C-alpha atoms as a PDB file:
ATOM      1  CA  MET A   1      59.436 132.008 204.619  1.00  0.00           C
ATOM      2  CA  ALA A   2      59.376 128.856 203.726  1.00  0.00           C
ATOM      3  CA  PHE A   3      62.103 127.044 205.620  1.00  0.00           C
ATOM      4  CA  VAL A   4      59.824 128.883 209.230  1.00  0.00           C
ATOM      5  CA  ALA A   5      56.813 127.411 207.736  1.00  0.00           C
ATOM      6  CA  THR A   6      58.512 124.007 207.562  1.00  0.00           C
ATOM      7  CA  ARG A   7      59.993 124.313 211.006  1.00  0.00           C
ATOM      8  CA  LEU A   8      56.582 125.538 212.261  1.00  0.00           C
ATOM      9  CA  ALA A   9      54.512 122.539 210.578  1.00  0.00           C
ATOM     10  CA  LEU A  10      56.678 120.116 212.148  1.00  0.00           C
ATOM     11  CA  ASP A  11      55.353 121.038 215.178  1.00  0.00           C
ATOM     12  CA  SER A  12      52.005 119.381 214.315  1.00  0.00           C
ATOM     13  CA  PHE A  13      53.205 116.647 211.602  1.00  0.00           C
ATOM     14  CA  SER A  14      55.770 114.084 211.109  1.00  0.00           C
ATOM     15  CA  PRO A  15      58.354 114.579 207.986  1.00  0.00           C
ATOM     16  CA  ALA A  16      56.741 112.166 205.847  1.00  0.00           C
ATOM     17  CA  GLN A  17      53.410 113.847 206.475  1.00  0.00           C
ATOM     18  CA  LEU A  18      54.278 117.092 205.632  1.00  0.00           C
ATOM     19  CA  THR A  19      55.883 116.129 202.498  1.00  0.00           C
ATOM     20  CA  ALA A  20      52.332 114.333 201.378  1.00  0.00           C
ATOM     21  CA  LEU A  21      50.394 117.181 202.932  1.00  0.00           C
ATOM     22  CA  ARG A  22      52.321 119.731 200.710  1.00  0.00           C
ATOM     23  CA  PHE A  23      52.441 118.165 197.597  1.00  0.00           C
ATOM     24  CA  LEU A  24      48.455 117.086 197.931  1.00  0.00           C
ATOM     25  CA  VAL A  25      47.410 120.268 198.108  1.00  0.00           C
ATOM     26  CA  ALA A  26      49.700 121.973 195.752  1.00  0.00           C
ATOM     27  CA  ALA A  27      48.358 118.930 192.889  1.00  0.00           C
ATOM     28  CA  VAL A  28      44.529 120.130 193.771  1.00  0.00           C
ATOM     29  CA  PRO A  29      44.893 122.249 190.220  1.00  0.00           C
ATOM     30  CA  ALA A  30      45.375 118.838 188.237  1.00  0.00           C
ATOM     31  CA  LEU A  31      41.641 118.376 188.289  1.00  0.00           C
ATOM     32  CA  VAL A  32      41.588 121.595 185.795  1.00  0.00           C
ATOM     33  CA  LEU A  33      45.053 121.835 184.210  1.00  0.00           C
ATOM     34  CA  ALA A  34      46.019 119.914 181.291  1.00  0.00           C
ATOM     35  CA  ARG A  35      49.048 117.552 181.812  1.00  0.00           C
ATOM     36  CA  PRO A  36      52.483 118.526 180.009  1.00  0.00           C
ATOM     37  CA  PRO A  37      53.483 116.793 176.865  1.00  0.00           C
ATOM     38  CA  LEU A  38      55.674 114.668 178.686  1.00  0.00           C
ATOM     39  CA  ALA A  39      55.480 110.946 178.871  1.00  0.00           C
ATOM     40  CA  TRP A  40      54.793 109.794 182.804  1.00  0.00           C
ATOM     41  CA  SER A  41      58.213 108.306 183.128  1.00  0.00           C
ATOM     42  CA  THR A  42      59.741 111.427 182.761  1.00  0.00           C
ATOM     43  CA  LEU A  43      57.253 112.872 185.444  1.00  0.00           C
ATOM     44  CA  VAL A  44      57.992 110.727 187.344  1.00  0.00           C
ATOM     45  CA  ALA A  45      61.657 110.695 187.182  1.00  0.00           C
ATOM     46  CA  ILE A  46      61.541 114.370 188.043  1.00  0.00           C
ATOM     47  CA  GLY A  47      59.162 114.512 190.425  1.00  0.00           C
ATOM     48  CA  LEU A  48      60.911 111.959 192.317  1.00  0.00           C
ATOM     49  CA  THR A  49      63.957 113.746 192.283  1.00  0.00           C
ATOM     50  CA  LEU A  50      63.029 117.597 192.069  1.00  0.00           C
ATOM     51  CA  TYR A  51      60.176 117.491 194.483  1.00  0.00           C
ATOM     52  CA  THR A  52      60.213 113.836 196.772  1.00  0.00           C
ATOM     53  CA  GLY A  53      63.893 113.325 196.939  1.00  0.00           C
ATOM     54  CA  GLN A  54      64.391 116.865 197.978  1.00  0.00           C
ATOM     55  CA  PHE A  55      61.730 117.871 200.898  1.00  0.00           C
ATOM     56  CA  LEU A  56      61.420 114.569 202.230  1.00  0.00           C
ATOM     57  CA  LEU A  57      65.382 114.850 203.054  1.00  0.00           C
ATOM     58  CA  GLN A  58      65.011 118.512 203.849  1.00  0.00           C
ATOM     59  CA  PHE A  59      62.373 118.027 206.000  1.00  0.00           C
ATOM     60  CA  PHE A  60      63.995 115.025 208.080  1.00  0.00           C
ATOM     61  CA  ALA A  61      66.818 117.158 207.956  1.00  0.00           C
ATOM     62  CA  ILE A  62      65.235 120.442 209.744  1.00  0.00           C
ATOM     63  CA  ALA A  63      63.755 117.604 212.315  1.00  0.00           C
ATOM     64  CA  ASN A  64      66.752 116.305 213.176  1.00  0.00           C
ATOM     65  CA  GLY A  65      68.375 119.512 214.540  1.00  0.00           C
ATOM     66  CA  VAL A  66      68.835 121.367 211.087  1.00  0.00           C
ATOM     67  CA  PRO A  67      68.231 125.200 211.881  1.00  0.00           C
ATOM     68  CA  PRO A  68      65.753 126.596 208.889  1.00  0.00           C
ATOM     69  CA  GLY A  69      68.403 129.611 208.863  1.00  0.00           C
ATOM     70  CA  LEU A  70      70.979 127.166 208.179  1.00  0.00           C
ATOM     71  CA  ALA A  71      69.151 124.905 205.480  1.00  0.00           C
ATOM     72  CA  SER A  72      67.928 127.364 203.775  1.00  0.00           C
ATOM     73  CA  LEU A  73      71.927 127.890 203.026  1.00  0.00           C
ATOM     74  CA  LEU A  74      72.637 124.305 202.975  1.00  0.00           C
ATOM     75  CA  VAL A  75      69.878 123.083 200.022  1.00  0.00           C
ATOM     76  CA  GLN A  76      70.939 125.995 198.053  1.00  0.00           C
ATOM     77  CA  THR A  77      74.540 123.926 197.333  1.00  0.00           C
ATOM     78  CA  GLN A  78      72.338 122.369 194.587  1.00  0.00           C
ATOM     79  CA  ALA A  79      73.752 124.745 192.415  1.00  0.00           C
ATOM     80  CA  LEU A  80      77.340 123.263 192.986  1.00  0.00           C
ATOM     81  CA  PHE A  81      75.763 119.496 192.579  1.00  0.00           C
ATOM     82  CA  THR A  82      73.496 120.580 189.428  1.00  0.00           C
ATOM     83  CA  ILE A  83      77.444 121.230 187.531  1.00  0.00           C
ATOM     84  CA  LEU A  84      78.878 118.189 188.923  1.00  0.00           C
ATOM     85  CA  PHE A  85      76.136 116.047 187.218  1.00  0.00           C
ATOM     86  CA  ALA A  86      75.903 118.091 184.341  1.00  0.00           C
ATOM     87  CA  ALA A  87      79.390 117.963 183.502  1.00  0.00           C
ATOM     88  CA  MET A  88      79.366 114.232 184.190  1.00  0.00           C
ATOM     89  CA  VAL A  89      76.424 113.285 182.771  1.00  0.00           C
ATOM     90  CA  LEU A  90      75.624 116.125 179.947  1.00  0.00           C
ATOM     91  CA  ARG A  91      79.347 116.142 179.370  1.00  0.00           C
ATOM     92  CA  GLU A  92      78.856 120.322 180.012  1.00  0.00           C
ATOM     93  CA  THR A  93      82.059 121.365 180.799  1.00  0.00           C
ATOM     94  CA  PRO A  94      82.229 124.063 183.918  1.00  0.00           C
ATOM     95  CA  THR A  95      83.746 127.079 183.134  1.00  0.00           C
ATOM     96  CA  PRO A  96      87.395 128.240 185.357  1.00  0.00           C
ATOM     97  CA  ARG A  97      84.769 131.057 187.465  1.00  0.00           C
ATOM     98  CA  GLN A  98      82.478 128.393 188.140  1.00  0.00           C
ATOM     99  CA  LEU A  99      85.065 125.539 189.527  1.00  0.00           C
ATOM    100  CA  SER A 100      86.154 128.787 191.413  1.00  0.00           C
ATOM    101  CA  GLY A 101      82.850 129.164 193.108  1.00  0.00           C
ATOM    102  CA  VAL A 102      82.425 125.295 193.976  1.00  0.00           C
ATOM    103  CA  ALA A 103      85.858 125.371 195.350  1.00  0.00           C
ATOM    104  CA  LEU A 104      84.613 127.936 197.633  1.00  0.00           C
ATOM    105  CA  ALA A 105      81.476 126.772 198.385  1.00  0.00           C
ATOM    106  CA  PHE A 106      82.847 123.261 199.100  1.00  0.00           C
ATOM    107  CA  ALA A 107      85.591 125.504 201.885  1.00  0.00           C
ATOM    108  CA  GLY A 108      82.297 126.535 203.684  1.00  0.00           C
ATOM    109  CA  LEU A 109      80.962 123.318 204.027  1.00  0.00           C
ATOM    110  CA  VAL A 110      83.907 121.999 205.479  1.00  0.00           C
ATOM    111  CA  LEU A 111      83.902 124.672 207.888  1.00  0.00           C
ATOM    112  CA  ILE A 112      80.126 124.445 208.692  1.00  0.00           C
ATOM    113  CA  VAL A 113      80.929 120.148 209.532  1.00  0.00           C
ATOM    114  CA  LEU A 114      83.354 121.530 211.994  1.00  0.00           C
ATOM    115  CA  THR A 115      80.552 122.786 214.203  1.00  0.00           C
ATOM    116  CA  VAL A 116      78.863 119.629 214.073  1.00  0.00           C
ATOM    117  CA  GLY A 117      77.673 118.694 217.552  1.00  0.00           C
ATOM    118  CA  HIS A 118      77.167 122.302 218.876  1.00  0.00           C
ATOM    119  CA  ASP A 119      73.166 122.652 217.877  1.00  0.00           C
ATOM    120  CA  LEU A 120      73.875 120.647 214.864  1.00  0.00           C
ATOM    121  CA  THR A 121      73.916 116.847 214.177  1.00  0.00           C
ATOM    122  CA  GLY A 122      76.034 115.232 211.619  1.00  0.00           C
ATOM    123  CA  VAL A 123      72.613 113.224 210.677  1.00  0.00           C
ATOM    124  CA  GLY A 124      70.973 116.710 210.096  1.00  0.00           C
ATOM    125  CA  PHE A 125      73.901 118.130 208.149  1.00  0.00           C
ATOM    126  CA  GLY A 126      73.667 114.713 205.853  1.00  0.00           C
ATOM    127  CA  LEU A 127      70.222 114.949 205.192  1.00  0.00           C
ATOM    128  CA  ALA A 128      70.071 118.529 204.590  1.00  0.00           C
ATOM    129  CA  MET A 129      73.105 117.629 201.837  1.00  0.00           C
ATOM    130  CA  GLY A 130      71.012 114.868 200.640  1.00  0.00           C
ATOM    131  CA  SER A 131      68.184 117.128 199.356  1.00  0.00           C
ATOM    132  CA  ALA A 132      70.755 118.887 197.629  1.00  0.00           C
ATOM    133  CA  ILE A 133      71.842 116.056 195.767  1.00  0.00           C
ATOM    134  CA  SER A 134      68.365 115.247 194.776  1.00  0.00           C
ATOM    135  CA  TRP A 135      67.532 118.623 194.120  1.00  0.00           C
ATOM    136  CA  GLY A 136      70.654 118.834 191.585  1.00  0.00           C
ATOM    137  CA  VAL A 137      69.695 115.198 189.986  1.00  0.00           C
ATOM    138  CA  GLY A 138      66.215 116.712 189.604  1.00  0.00           C
ATOM    139  CA  ASN A 139      67.921 120.251 187.813  1.00  0.00           C
ATOM    140  CA  VAL A 140      69.393 117.819 185.099  1.00  0.00           C
ATOM    141  CA  LEU A 141      67.048 115.760 184.358  1.00  0.00           C
ATOM    142  CA  LEU A 142      64.981 119.006 183.752  1.00  0.00           C
ATOM    143  CA  LYS A 143      67.317 120.382 181.420  1.00  0.00           C
ATOM    144  CA  ARG A 144      66.601 118.067 179.446  1.00  0.00           C
ATOM    145  CA  ILE A 145      62.756 118.979 178.560  1.00  0.00           C
ATOM    146  CA  ARG A 146      61.429 122.112 176.628  1.00  0.00           C
ATOM    147  CA  ASP A 147      58.765 123.888 175.742  1.00  0.00           C
ATOM    148  CA  VAL A 148      56.057 123.542 178.763  1.00  0.00           C
ATOM    149  CA  GLU A 149      54.440 125.559 180.739  1.00  0.00           C
ATOM    150  CA  MET A 150      56.170 125.846 184.378  1.00  0.00           C
ATOM    151  CA  LEU A 151      52.477 126.160 186.383  1.00  0.00           C
ATOM    152  CA  ASP A 152      51.346 122.596 184.306  1.00  0.00           C
ATOM    153  CA  LEU A 153      54.533 120.959 185.354  1.00  0.00           C
ATOM    154  CA  VAL A 154      54.479 122.431 188.625  1.00  0.00           C
ATOM    155  CA  VAL A 155      51.503 120.844 189.350  1.00  0.00           C
ATOM    156  CA  TRP A 156      51.689 117.664 187.483  1.00  0.00           C
ATOM    157  CA  MET A 157      54.822 116.626 189.083  1.00  0.00           C
ATOM    158  CA  SER A 158      52.976 117.449 192.361  1.00  0.00           C
ATOM    159  CA  LEU A 159      51.182 114.146 192.166  1.00  0.00           C
ATOM    160  CA  VAL A 160      54.383 112.424 192.340  1.00  0.00           C
ATOM    161  CA  PRO A 161      55.190 112.981 196.335  1.00  0.00           C
ATOM    162  CA  PRO A 162      52.248 112.032 198.101  1.00  0.00           C
ATOM    163  CA  LEU A 163      52.062 107.946 197.330  1.00  0.00           C
ATOM    164  CA  PRO A 164      56.241 107.705 198.639  1.00  0.00           C
ATOM    165  CA  ALA A 165      55.821 109.887 201.318  1.00  0.00           C
ATOM    166  CA  LEU A 166      52.374 108.202 202.798  1.00  0.00           C
ATOM    167  CA  ALA A 167      53.815 104.505 202.514  1.00  0.00           C
ATOM    168  CA  LEU A 168      57.052 106.156 204.290  1.00  0.00           C
ATOM    169  CA  SER A 169      54.531 107.987 206.851  1.00  0.00           C
ATOM    170  CA  LEU A 170      52.571 104.345 207.301  1.00  0.00           C
ATOM    171  CA  THR A 171      55.806 102.546 207.735  1.00  0.00           C
ATOM    172  CA  ILE A 172      57.555 104.695 210.030  1.00  0.00           C
ATOM    173  CA  ASP A 173      54.527 106.868 211.826  1.00  0.00           C
ATOM    174  CA  GLY A 174      51.690 103.884 211.725  1.00  0.00           C
ATOM    175  CA  PRO A 175      48.304 103.261 209.770  1.00  0.00           C
ATOM    176  CA  THR A 176      46.496 105.673 211.667  1.00  0.00           C
ATOM    177  CA  ALA A 177      49.106 108.387 212.481  1.00  0.00           C
ATOM    178  CA  LEU A 178      48.453 110.920 209.394  1.00  0.00           C
ATOM    179  CA  VAL A 179      44.808 111.225 210.647  1.00  0.00           C
ATOM    180  CA  ARG A 180      45.543 111.824 214.219  1.00  0.00           C
ATOM    181  CA  SER A 181      48.159 114.142 213.594  1.00  0.00           C
ATOM    182  CA  VAL A 182      45.576 116.073 211.081  1.00  0.00           C
ATOM    183  CA  ALA A 183      42.710 115.661 213.547  1.00  0.00           C
ATOM    184  CA  SER A 184      45.146 117.679 216.440  1.00  0.00           C
ATOM    185  CA  ALA A 185      47.150 119.985 214.142  1.00  0.00           C
ATOM    186  CA  SER A 186      47.284 123.401 215.603  1.00  0.00           C
ATOM    187  CA  TRP A 187      46.104 126.655 213.779  1.00  0.00           C
ATOM    188  CA  THR A 188      49.836 127.202 212.748  1.00  0.00           C
ATOM    189  CA  GLY A 189      50.408 123.643 211.637  1.00  0.00           C
ATOM    190  CA  VAL A 190      47.925 123.929 209.173  1.00  0.00           C
ATOM    191  CA  ALA A 191      48.527 127.146 207.831  1.00  0.00           C
ATOM    192  CA  SER A 192      52.420 126.280 207.138  1.00  0.00           C
ATOM    193  CA  VAL A 193      50.729 123.455 205.123  1.00  0.00           C
ATOM    194  CA  LEU A 194      48.719 125.596 203.285  1.00  0.00           C
ATOM    195  CA  TYR A 195      51.215 128.266 202.973  1.00  0.00           C
ATOM    196  CA  LEU A 196      53.950 125.665 201.503  1.00  0.00           C
ATOM    197  CA  GLY A 197      51.285 124.066 199.128  1.00  0.00           C
ATOM    198  CA  LEU A 198      49.912 126.587 197.567  1.00  0.00           C
ATOM    199  CA  VAL A 199      52.546 129.543 197.776  1.00  0.00           C
ATOM    200  CA  ALA A 200      55.627 128.267 197.999  1.00  0.00           C
ATOM    201  CA  THR A 201      54.922 125.389 195.660  1.00  0.00           C
ATOM    202  CA  ILE A 202      52.240 126.626 193.162  1.00  0.00           C
ATOM    203  CA  LEU A 203      52.497 130.690 193.319  1.00  0.00           C
ATOM    204  CA  ALA A 204      55.967 130.664 193.637  1.00  0.00           C
ATOM    205  CA  TYR A 205      57.141 128.366 190.964  1.00  0.00           C
ATOM    206  CA  ALA A 206      54.285 130.163 188.562  1.00  0.00           C
ATOM    207  CA  ILE A 207      55.918 133.384 188.953  1.00  0.00           C
ATOM    208  CA  TRP A 208      59.085 132.120 188.539  1.00  0.00           C
ATOM    209  CA  GLY A 209      58.572 130.651 185.203  1.00  0.00           C
ATOM    210  CA  GLN A 210      56.644 133.541 184.458  1.00  0.00           C
ATOM    211  CA  LEU A 211      59.818 135.623 184.974  1.00  0.00           C
ATOM    212  CA  LEU A 212      62.049 133.083 182.968  1.00  0.00           C
ATOM    213  CA  ARG A 213      59.594 133.925 180.518  1.00  0.00           C
ATOM    214  CA  ARG A 214      59.262 137.829 180.202  1.00  0.00           C
ATOM    215  CA  TYR A 215      63.287 138.209 181.489  1.00  0.00           C
ATOM    216  CA  PRO A 216      66.763 136.853 180.414  1.00  0.00           C
ATOM    217  CA  ALA A 217      67.187 134.100 182.817  1.00  0.00           C
ATOM    218  CA  ALA A 218      70.475 135.887 183.553  1.00  0.00           C
ATOM    219  CA  THR A 219      68.761 138.829 184.644  1.00  0.00           C
ATOM    220  CA  VAL A 220      66.106 136.459 187.173  1.00  0.00           C
ATOM    221  CA  THR A 221      68.134 133.903 188.427  1.00  0.00           C
ATOM    222  CA  PRO A 222      70.736 135.929 190.734  1.00  0.00           C
ATOM    223  CA  PHE A 223      67.572 136.526 192.945  1.00  0.00           C
ATOM    224  CA  ALA A 224      67.819 132.915 194.106  1.00  0.00           C
ATOM    225  CA  LEU A 225      70.772 134.636 196.328  1.00  0.00           C
ATOM    226  CA  LEU A 226      68.231 135.757 198.463  1.00  0.00           C
ATOM    227  CA  VAL A 227      66.436 132.832 199.817  1.00  0.00           C
ATOM    228  CA  PRO A 228      69.175 131.912 202.318  1.00  0.00           C
ATOM    229  CA  PHE A 229      69.117 135.592 203.933  1.00  0.00           C
ATOM    230  CA  VAL A 230      65.727 135.251 203.881  1.00  0.00           C
ATOM    231  CA  GLY A 231      65.570 132.138 205.932  1.00  0.00           C
ATOM    232  CA  ALA A 232      68.521 133.393 207.932  1.00  0.00           C
ATOM    233  CA  SER A 233      67.096 136.296 208.972  1.00  0.00           C
ATOM    234  CA  SER A 234      63.510 135.141 209.204  1.00  0.00           C
ATOM    235  CA  SER A 235      64.868 132.104 211.159  1.00  0.00           C
ATOM    236  CA  ALA A 236      66.460 134.638 213.649  1.00  0.00           C
ATOM    237  CA  LEU A 237      63.673 136.784 214.340  1.00  0.00           C
ATOM    238  CA  VAL A 238      61.289 134.053 214.833  1.00  0.00           C
ATOM    239  CA  PHE A 239      63.299 131.068 216.643  1.00  0.00           C
ATOM    240  CA  GLY A 240      66.233 133.326 217.795  1.00  0.00           C
ATOM    241  CA  GLU A 241      68.497 131.229 215.613  1.00  0.00           C
ATOM    242  CA  ARG A 242      72.310 132.634 216.099  1.00  0.00           C
ATOM    243  CA  PHE A 243      75.392 131.577 214.179  1.00  0.00           C
ATOM    244  CA  GLY A 244      78.464 131.410 215.751  1.00  0.00           C
ATOM    245  CA  ALA A 245      81.593 132.457 214.273  1.00  0.00           C
ATOM    246  CA  LEU A 246      82.883 129.125 212.539  1.00  0.00           C
ATOM    247  CA  ARG A 247      79.536 128.302 211.313  1.00  0.00           C
ATOM    248  CA  LEU A 248      78.644 132.145 210.059  1.00  0.00           C
ATOM    249  CA  ALA A 249      82.610 132.263 208.127  1.00  0.00           C
ATOM    250  CA  GLY A 250      81.302 128.715 206.553  1.00  0.00           C
ATOM    251  CA  MET A 251      78.203 130.355 205.390  1.00  0.00           C
ATOM    252  CA  ALA A 252      79.663 133.169 204.055  1.00  0.00           C
ATOM    253  CA  LEU A 253      82.013 130.899 201.994  1.00  0.00           C
ATOM    254  CA  VAL A 254      79.264 128.800 200.550  1.00  0.00           C
ATOM    255  CA  LEU A 255      77.626 131.713 199.733  1.00  0.00           C
ATOM    256  CA  LEU A 256      80.326 133.417 197.714  1.00  0.00           C
ATOM    257  CA  GLY A 257      80.515 130.282 195.993  1.00  0.00           C
ATOM    258  CA  ILE A 258      77.056 130.213 195.080  1.00  0.00           C
ATOM    259  CA  GLY A 259      77.416 133.861 193.914  1.00  0.00           C
ATOM    260  CA  VAL A 260      80.374 132.951 191.685  1.00  0.00           C
ATOM    261  CA  ILE A 261      78.468 130.557 190.300  1.00  0.00           C
ATOM    262  CA  VAL A 262      75.243 132.383 189.788  1.00  0.00           C
ATOM    263  CA  LEU A 263      76.679 135.047 188.396  1.00  0.00           C
ATOM    264  CA  SER A 264      79.219 133.343 186.063  1.00  0.00           C
ATOM    265  CA  ALA A 265      76.088 131.753 184.427  1.00  0.00           C
ATOM    266  CA  ARG A 266      74.818 134.910 183.850  1.00  0.00           C
ATOM    267  CA  ALA A 267      78.347 136.394 182.319  1.00  0.00           C
ATOM    268  CA  SER A 268      78.467 133.122 179.797  1.00  0.00           C
ATOM    269  CA  ARG A 269      74.938 133.918 178.534  1.00  0.00           C
ATOM    270  CA  GLY A 270      75.920 137.494 177.930  1.00  0.00           C
ATOM    271  CA  ALA A 271      78.529 136.179 175.955  1.00  0.00           C
ATOM    272  CA  GLY A 272      75.825 134.227 173.868  1.00  0.00           C
ATOM    273  CA  PHE A 273      75.087 131.164 176.310  1.00  0.00           C
ATOM    274  CA  ARG A 274      70.743 131.210 177.093  1.00  0.00           C
ATOM    275  CA  HIS A 275      68.936 128.970 178.734  1.00  0.00           C
ATOM    276  CA  SER A 276      65.834 128.608 181.186  1.00  0.00           C
ATOM    277  CA  LEU A 277      63.285 126.194 181.502  1.00  0.00           C
ATOM    278  CA  GLY A 278      61.401 125.661 178.995  1.00  0.00           C
ATOM    279  CA  VAL A 279      61.988 128.583 177.033  1.00  0.00           C
ATOM    280  CA  VAL A 280      63.232 128.952 174.010  1.00  0.00           C
ATOM    281  CA  PRO A 281      65.726 132.485 173.618  1.00  0.00           C
ATOM    282  CA  ALA A 282      64.093 134.899 170.478  1.00  0.00           C
ATOM    283  CA  THR A 283      66.916 135.516 168.025  1.00  0.00           C
ATOM    284  CA  ARG A 284      67.299 137.406 165.452  1.00  0.00           C
ATOM    285  CA  THR A 285      69.349 137.773 161.903  1.00  0.00           C
ATOM    286  CA  THR A 286      71.723 140.330 160.163  1.00  0.00           C
ATOM    287  CA  ARG A 287      71.124 141.562 157.027  1.00  0.00           C
ATOM    288  CA  HIS A 288      74.250 140.866 154.637  1.00  0.00           C
ATOM    289  CA  ARG A 289      74.348 142.489 150.580  1.00  0.00           C
ATOM    290  CA  ALA A 290      75.120 139.271 149.594  1.00  0.00           C
ATOM    291  CA  GLU A 291      71.745 137.406 148.495  1.00  0.00           C
ATOM    292  CA  PRO A 292      70.804 133.988 150.759  1.00  0.00           C
ATOM    293  CA  SER A 293      70.783 130.889 148.954  1.00  0.00           C
ATOM    294  CA  SER A 294      67.773 128.844 147.974  1.00  0.00           C
ATOM    295  CA  SER A 295      68.105 126.854 150.824  1.00  0.00           C
ATOM    296  CA  SER A 296      67.600 129.058 153.592  1.00  0.00           C
ATOM    297  CA  VAL A 297      64.272 131.433 151.569  1.00  0.00           C
ATOM    298  CA  THR A 298      61.658 129.726 154.018  1.00  0.00           C
ATOM    299  CA  GLU A 299      63.570 130.791 156.982  1.00  0.00           C
ATOM    300  CA  THR A 300      64.305 134.384 156.050  1.00  0.00           C
ATOM    301  CA  ALA A 301      60.716 135.069 154.976  1.00  0.00           C
ATOM    302  CA  TRP A 302      59.548 133.410 158.586  1.00  0.00           C
ATOM    303  CA  TRP A 303      62.052 136.118 160.536  1.00  0.00           C
ATOM    304  CA  ASP A 304      61.091 139.037 158.466  1.00  0.00           C
ATOM    305  CA  ARG A 305      57.412 137.917 159.064  1.00  0.00           C
ATOM    306  CA  SER A 306      58.570 136.935 162.637  1.00  0.00           C
ATOM    307  CA  ALA A 307      59.961 140.648 163.121  1.00  0.00           C
ATOM    308  CA  SER A 308      57.073 142.581 161.893  1.00  0.00           C
ATOM    309  CA  SER A 309      54.517 140.460 164.136  1.00  0.00           C
ATOM    310  CA  GLY A 310      56.560 140.759 167.251  1.00  0.00           C
ATOM    311  CA  SER A 311      56.435 136.725 167.602  1.00  0.00           C
ATOM    312  CA  THR A 312      59.143 136.004 169.539  1.00  0.00           C
ATOM    313  CA  ALA A 313      58.522 131.593 169.201  1.00  0.00           C
ATOM    314  CA  ALA A 314      60.895 129.843 167.872  1.00  0.00           C
ATOM    315  CA  PRO A 315      61.457 128.918 163.736  1.00  0.00           C
ATOM    316  CA  PRO A 316      60.348 125.908 162.280  1.00  0.00           C
ATOM    317  CA  SER A 317      63.234 124.190 161.684  1.00  0.00           C
ATOM    318  CA  SER A 318      65.940 123.828 164.914  1.00  0.00           C
ATOM    319  CA  ILE A 319      68.623 126.031 162.934  1.00  0.00           C
ATOM    320  CA  ALA A 320      67.231 128.452 160.796  1.00  0.00           C
ATOM    321  CA  SER A 321      70.454 129.529 158.488  1.00  0.00           C
ATOM    322  CA  ILE A 322      71.290 132.385 156.061  1.00  0.00           C
ATOM    323  CA  SER A 323      74.040 131.171 154.077  1.00  0.00           C
ATOM    324  CA  THR A 324      76.885 134.296 152.146  1.00  0.00           C
ATOM    325  CA  PRO A 325      79.646 133.840 150.063  1.00  0.00           C
ATOM    326  CA  THR A 326      81.786 134.619 153.294  1.00  0.00           C
ATOM    327  CA  CYS A 327      79.988 133.366 156.344  1.00  0.00           C
ATOM    328  CA  GLU A 328      77.041 131.509 157.562  1.00  0.00           C
ATOM    329  CA  VAL A 329      75.301 132.959 160.189  1.00  0.00           C
ATOM    330  CA  GLU A 330      73.208 130.918 162.645  1.00  0.00           C
ATOM    331  CA  ALA A 331      69.862 131.613 164.844  1.00  0.00           C
ATOM    332  CA  PRO A 332      69.976 128.504 166.986  1.00  0.00           C
ATOM    333  CA  ALA A 333      66.524 127.833 168.335  1.00  0.00           C
ATOM    334  CA  ALA A 334      68.494 125.390 170.581  1.00  0.00           C
ATOM    335  CA  PRO A 335      69.512 126.523 174.284  1.00  0.00           C
ATOM    336  CA  TRP A 336      73.360 125.634 173.312  1.00  0.00           C
ATOM    337  CA  SER A 337      74.962 128.086 169.945  1.00  0.00           C
ATOM    338  CA  LYS A 338      77.964 126.211 168.242  1.00  0.00           C
ATOM    339  CA  PRO A 339      81.126 127.485 168.152  1.00  0.00           C
ATOM    340  CA  CYS A 340      82.530 129.956 165.328  1.00  0.00           C
ATOM    341  CA  SER A 341      84.900 128.301 162.684  1.00  0.00           C
ATOM    342  CA  THR A 342      87.497 129.713 160.601  1.00  0.00           C
ATOM    343  CA  GLY A 343      87.647 129.422 156.832  1.00  0.00           C
ATOM    344  CA  ALA A 344      85.157 129.960 154.302  1.00  0.00           C
ATOM    345  CA  ALA A 345      82.333 128.718 155.708  1.00  0.00           C
ATOM    346  CA  ARG A 346      82.626 130.975 158.976  1.00  0.00           C
ATOM    347  CA  LYS A 347      79.420 130.625 161.857  1.00  0.00           C
ATOM    348  CA  ARG A 348      79.125 133.485 164.307  1.00  0.00           C
ATOM    349  CA  SER A 349      76.008 132.350 167.017  1.00  0.00           C
ATOM    350  CA  LEU A 350      73.556 134.993 167.324  1.00  0.00           C
ATOM    351  CA  ALA A 351      72.305 135.780 170.990  1.00  0.00           C
END
């Protein structure tokens, strides 16, 4: 519904004005919420890519003729760019299944490009892809931080977009344009801004963060695939958006590719890889008849106390090890587990 609300709001406000207003509304709780334990440079960098770049370009794309339903799909290609950027920057090697998903999605994008010139402009398509790229960069930056409250992070990052968006509005729209737009805005425009700021930003991200905390990320993330379906169906109902055969085939390929990427990530987590924003996955240990070494007594005692109390917090050290004559079992607190090795001191990661 956020893409429909965006299109309605753009009838009253310019893309730069809408970006500024959306995040001004979302930033209000910063008056009462504590700032996340992150450096300002980190907050600004993530805010400029994950919020400012993504939504400025997305709003300009819709204003330049990209239908809301198509836009909801195009921006979800951030999954492709996240994989590519993570491989380049974080040295994360994509799996063959992920690469096949990327290939399918890019093939779908080629089909969508072939529909440029009908109700889709080349500029609009380029802006939508720029939004997805900015989102992908923000995801890579976000992967570097841990142990933060999602709601606090969302609210404090919302302080970043208003300044550059207002500066852009001042340059493009004029010094008094925002005041005039607010004064003459329709009730649907005002309601759309409030919806985007309160529901689509604060509430949506807070719920998403809580779901990631309560359930495995592999269980939650596939629901992101519902976004293009909701966006396309709601746009068809509200604006009568229609999709030709070629564009529909392209959208289906993109969605299939994204599905392969998301579900392959789910399979990888099920095999031992777990990662979610700011959440340390719960770990467990396996008892052995051999006695643990003296260096692991503290860690073993911590796990016993944690199990009896029901705590799911991370252990006091980054890796809690139990050494045995034949095997060393690791309970990783980091999101990436170390691979098993052969020999007398074999290591096995516990999911």
